[in-house]
Amino acid sequence: MAKKKILLVDDEVDFLQLLKARLEANSYNVVTAMNGKEALEKFKREKPDALILDVMMPEINGLEVLREIRKDDQKIPIFIITAFSNEERFKAANQFNASGFIMKTSDLQAEIDNINVTLGIAAKYKK
């Protein structure tokens, strides 16, 4: 079975590299982007199986990227990740059909497990 490709988007280099390494250790191919503009370009070019988007980024924030992608693709799993959660962000992410909301301070392995489950379910419905 081919490895799933995840587009990981975060402007914090250390966190980006940490999560990339954890995802790769869990058998994912990981493509990274440092901002929303780069994320939209790589989404079109790389055709990932899922995205993990930071909320607060320069140029185009994660919620704007989510909104843009949902205009063309309602099914791709998209996880929003942030260090600063509030009800408004949660509602905005849900409004555009985010697949999950991940806190940067949470247990990363638990979140990777959630990503695994969501991608497994999405793969069943893609066929």
Foldseek 3Di string as FASTA:
>chain_A
DAAFEEEEEAQDVVLSVVLCVVVVVVRHHYHYDNALVVSLVCCVVVVGQEYEAEQDGPPAGPLRSLQVVLVPDLQRAYEYEYQDDDPVVVVSCVVSPHNYYHHPPDDSVVVSVVVVVSSVVSVVVVD
